[in-house]
């Protein structure tokens, strides 16, 4: 995940938390800061039994390297970003739960006022995910709308034999 982030930050000409500096407090600060785009490349998981326990992992050297930012914590933030990218496996996975609606991480960001959220519905290969995200962000920086940038990036997949055929 660190490698992916280190390749994306130069596209925006920014210096952002990576590796050991990408802790929960740094993520919360980024969410409430004046960032047009927040790209979160980490591990996430959905808890189907209790959606409040769905979370993103953050670095914490005191806890064997992991700390969790829960969906409930995210909903309580005031996200100022125009776009939040959740670059983690199944971060957009949804399950309809009676009386609760759809359970996933992306609605937590929408509830917290993020205007746009991009997430993954499937497990993703780090190498191809990195290439996809780099291409997407380059399209955005070149002036494309998020929708067009996502479309142009997706259209590149069939041209590469390694990504032309989906694998599940």
Protein backbone atom coordinates (compact mmCIF):
# COMPACT_ATOMS: atom_id res chain seq x y z
CA UNK A 1 0.00 0.00 0.00
CA UNK A 2 2.91 2.34 0.78
CA UNK A 3 4.33 1.87 -2.72
CA UNK A 4 0.98 2.77 -4.30
CA UNK A 5 0.70 5.96 -2.27
CA UNK A 6 4.29 6.96 -2.97
CA UNK A 7 3.57 6.77 -6.71
CA UNK A 8 0.34 8.79 -6.49
CA UNK A 9 1.40 11.72 -4.27
CA UNK A 10 3.80 13.23 -6.86
CA UNK A 11 0.92 13.46 -9.36
CA UNK A 12 -0.73 16.02 -7.07
CA UNK A 13 2.60 17.56 -5.99
CA UNK A 14 1.82 16.95 -2.32
CA UNK A 15 3.53 15.40 0.68
CA UNK A 16 1.18 13.11 2.57
CA UNK A 17 1.42 10.52 5.33
CA UNK A 18 3.00 7.29 4.19
CA UNK A 19 4.02 4.10 5.98
CA UNK A 20 4.63 4.71 9.67
CA UNK A 21 3.30 8.26 9.51
CA UNK A 22 -0.08 7.09 8.14
CA UNK A 23 -1.66 6.66 11.56
CA UNK A 24 -5.27 7.17 12.59
CA UNK A 25 -4.70 10.76 13.73
CA UNK A 26 -3.02 11.66 10.42
CA UNK A 27 -5.97 10.20 8.50
CA UNK A 28 -8.48 12.10 10.65
CA UNK A 29 -6.49 15.30 10.08
CA UNK A 30 -6.48 14.69 6.32
CA UNK A 31 -10.23 14.05 6.33
CA UNK A 32 -10.99 17.34 8.06
CA UNK A 33 -8.33 19.33 6.16
CA UNK A 34 -8.63 21.29 2.96
CA UNK A 35 -7.77 18.45 0.60
CA UNK A 36 -9.58 18.28 -2.72
CA UNK A 37 -8.73 14.57 -3.06
CA UNK A 38 -8.01 12.04 -0.34
CA UNK A 39 -6.61 8.72 -1.53
CA UNK A 40 -6.68 6.06 1.18
CA UNK A 41 -4.57 3.03 0.25
CA UNK A 42 -4.89 0.61 3.14
CA UNK A 43 -6.63 -2.55 4.21
CA UNK A 44 -10.31 -2.29 4.98
CA UNK A 45 -12.98 -4.71 6.05
CA UNK A 46 -16.75 -4.89 6.32
CA UNK A 47 -18.34 -6.31 9.45
CA UNK A 48 -21.69 -7.68 8.28
CA UNK A 49 -22.91 -8.30 11.83
CA UNK A 50 -22.24 -4.77 13.10
CA UNK A 51 -21.65 -2.12 10.43
CA UNK A 52 -20.21 0.25 13.04
CA UNK A 53 -17.28 -2.20 13.32
CA UNK A 54 -16.40 -1.97 9.61
CA UNK A 55 -13.06 -0.18 9.47
CA UNK A 56 -9.91 0.94 7.71
CA UNK A 57 -6.53 -0.07 9.13
CA UNK A 58 -4.01 2.61 10.09
CA UNK A 59 -0.43 2.31 11.31
CA UNK A 60 0.17 2.14 15.06
CA UNK A 61 3.66 1.11 16.16
CA UNK A 62 2.43 0.41 19.69
CA UNK A 63 -0.12 -2.18 18.57
CA UNK A 64 1.93 -4.48 16.34
CA UNK A 65 1.48 -2.10 13.44
CA UNK A 66 -2.32 -1.74 13.18
CA UNK A 67 -5.02 0.56 14.48
CA UNK A 68 -8.58 0.87 13.20
CA UNK A 69 -10.64 3.82 11.99
CA UNK A 70 -14.21 2.56 12.30
CA UNK A 71 -17.14 3.51 10.06
CA UNK A 72 -18.78 5.23 13.02
CA UNK A 73 -15.64 7.36 13.52
CA UNK A 74 -15.70 8.30 9.84
CA UNK A 75 -19.37 9.30 9.97
CA UNK A 76 -18.56 11.67 12.86
CA UNK A 77 -15.87 13.50 10.86
CA UNK A 78 -16.50 16.61 8.76
CA UNK A 79 -14.92 15.53 5.46
CA UNK A 80 -14.14 18.52 3.25
CA UNK A 81 -12.72 16.56 0.32
CA UNK A 82 -14.42 16.64 -3.05
CA UNK A 83 -13.23 13.08 -3.71
CA UNK A 84 -12.32 10.20 -1.39
CA UNK A 85 -10.72 7.17 -3.03
CA UNK A 86 -10.82 3.96 -0.98
CA UNK A 87 -8.14 1.82 -2.52
CA UNK A 88 -8.68 -1.30 -0.46
CA UNK A 89 -10.21 -4.69 -1.19
CA UNK A 90 -13.98 -4.79 -1.10
CA UNK A 91 -14.25 -1.31 0.50
CA UNK A 92 -17.41 -0.73 -1.54
CA UNK A 93 -18.89 -4.14 -0.81
CA UNK A 94 -22.48 -3.73 0.26
CA UNK A 95 -25.02 -5.82 2.01
CA UNK A 96 -28.59 -4.76 2.59
CA UNK A 97 -29.59 -5.14 6.22
CA UNK A 98 -33.21 -4.71 7.27
CA UNK A 99 -33.79 -1.30 8.82
CA UNK A 100 -30.16 -0.26 8.22
CA UNK A 101 -29.93 0.03 4.44
CA UNK A 102 -26.62 -0.69 2.73
CA UNK A 103 -23.64 -1.62 4.86
CA UNK A 104 -20.28 -0.47 3.48
CA UNK A 105 -17.50 2.01 4.16
CA UNK A 106 -18.31 4.43 1.35
CA UNK A 107 -21.68 5.57 2.84
CA UNK A 108 -19.79 6.56 6.01
CA UNK A 109 -17.77 9.04 3.92
CA UNK A 110 -20.89 10.33 2.14
CA UNK A 111 -22.60 10.82 5.52
CA UNK A 112 -19.50 12.77 6.63
CA UNK A 113 -20.00 15.14 3.64
CA UNK A 114 -17.51 13.77 1.09
CA UNK A 115 -18.98 14.79 -2.25
CA UNK A 116 -17.68 11.78 -4.23
CA UNK A 117 -16.37 8.37 -3.17
CA UNK A 118 -14.68 5.73 -5.31
CA UNK A 119 -14.29 2.24 -3.86
CA UNK A 120 -13.76 -1.36 -4.91
CA UNK A 121 -16.38 -4.11 -4.93
CA UNK A 122 -13.87 -6.93 -5.35
CA UNK A 123 -10.53 -8.14 -4.10
CA UNK A 124 -7.86 -6.27 -6.01
CA UNK A 125 -4.34 -7.11 -7.14
CA UNK A 126 -1.89 -4.54 -5.73
CA UNK A 127 0.10 -4.19 -8.96
CA UNK A 128 -2.89 -3.60 -11.22
CA UNK A 129 -4.66 -1.51 -8.62
CA UNK A 130 -1.61 0.76 -8.43
CA UNK A 131 -1.50 1.16 -12.20
CA UNK A 132 -5.25 1.80 -12.30
CA UNK A 133 -5.11 4.46 -9.58
CA UNK A 134 -2.07 6.19 -11.08
CA UNK A 135 -3.81 6.36 -14.47
CA UNK A 136 -7.04 7.58 -12.85
CA UNK A 137 -5.34 10.37 -10.91
CA UNK A 138 -3.34 11.43 -13.99
CA UNK A 139 -6.62 11.77 -15.89
CA UNK A 140 -8.09 13.88 -13.06
CA UNK A 141 -5.04 16.16 -12.93
CA UNK A 142 -5.24 16.58 -16.73
CA UNK A 143 -8.69 18.12 -16.28
CA UNK A 144 -11.03 15.17 -16.73
CA UNK A 145 -14.10 14.89 -14.53
CA UNK A 146 -14.04 11.99 -12.08
CA UNK A 147 -16.57 10.14 -14.23
CA UNK A 148 -14.58 10.59 -17.45
CA UNK A 149 -11.28 9.84 -15.70
CA UNK A 150 -12.71 6.60 -14.33
CA UNK A 151 -14.14 5.69 -17.74
CA UNK A 152 -10.87 6.41 -19.60
CA UNK A 153 -8.90 4.40 -17.04
CA UNK A 154 -11.29 1.45 -17.27
CA UNK A 155 -11.07 1.50 -21.08
CA UNK A 156 -7.32 0.85 -20.83
CA UNK A 157 -7.86 -2.50 -19.09
CA UNK A 158 -8.87 -4.58 -22.16
CA UNK A 159 -5.79 -3.34 -24.05
CA UNK A 160 -3.46 -5.09 -21.58
CA UNK A 161 -3.54 -8.91 -21.82
CA UNK A 162 -2.89 -9.15 -18.06
CA UNK A 163 -6.09 -7.22 -17.27
CA UNK A 164 -8.26 -7.99 -20.30
CA UNK A 165 -9.93 -10.99 -18.69
CA UNK A 166 -11.31 -10.52 -15.16
CA UNK A 167 -10.27 -13.15 -12.62
CA UNK A 168 -12.45 -13.89 -9.64
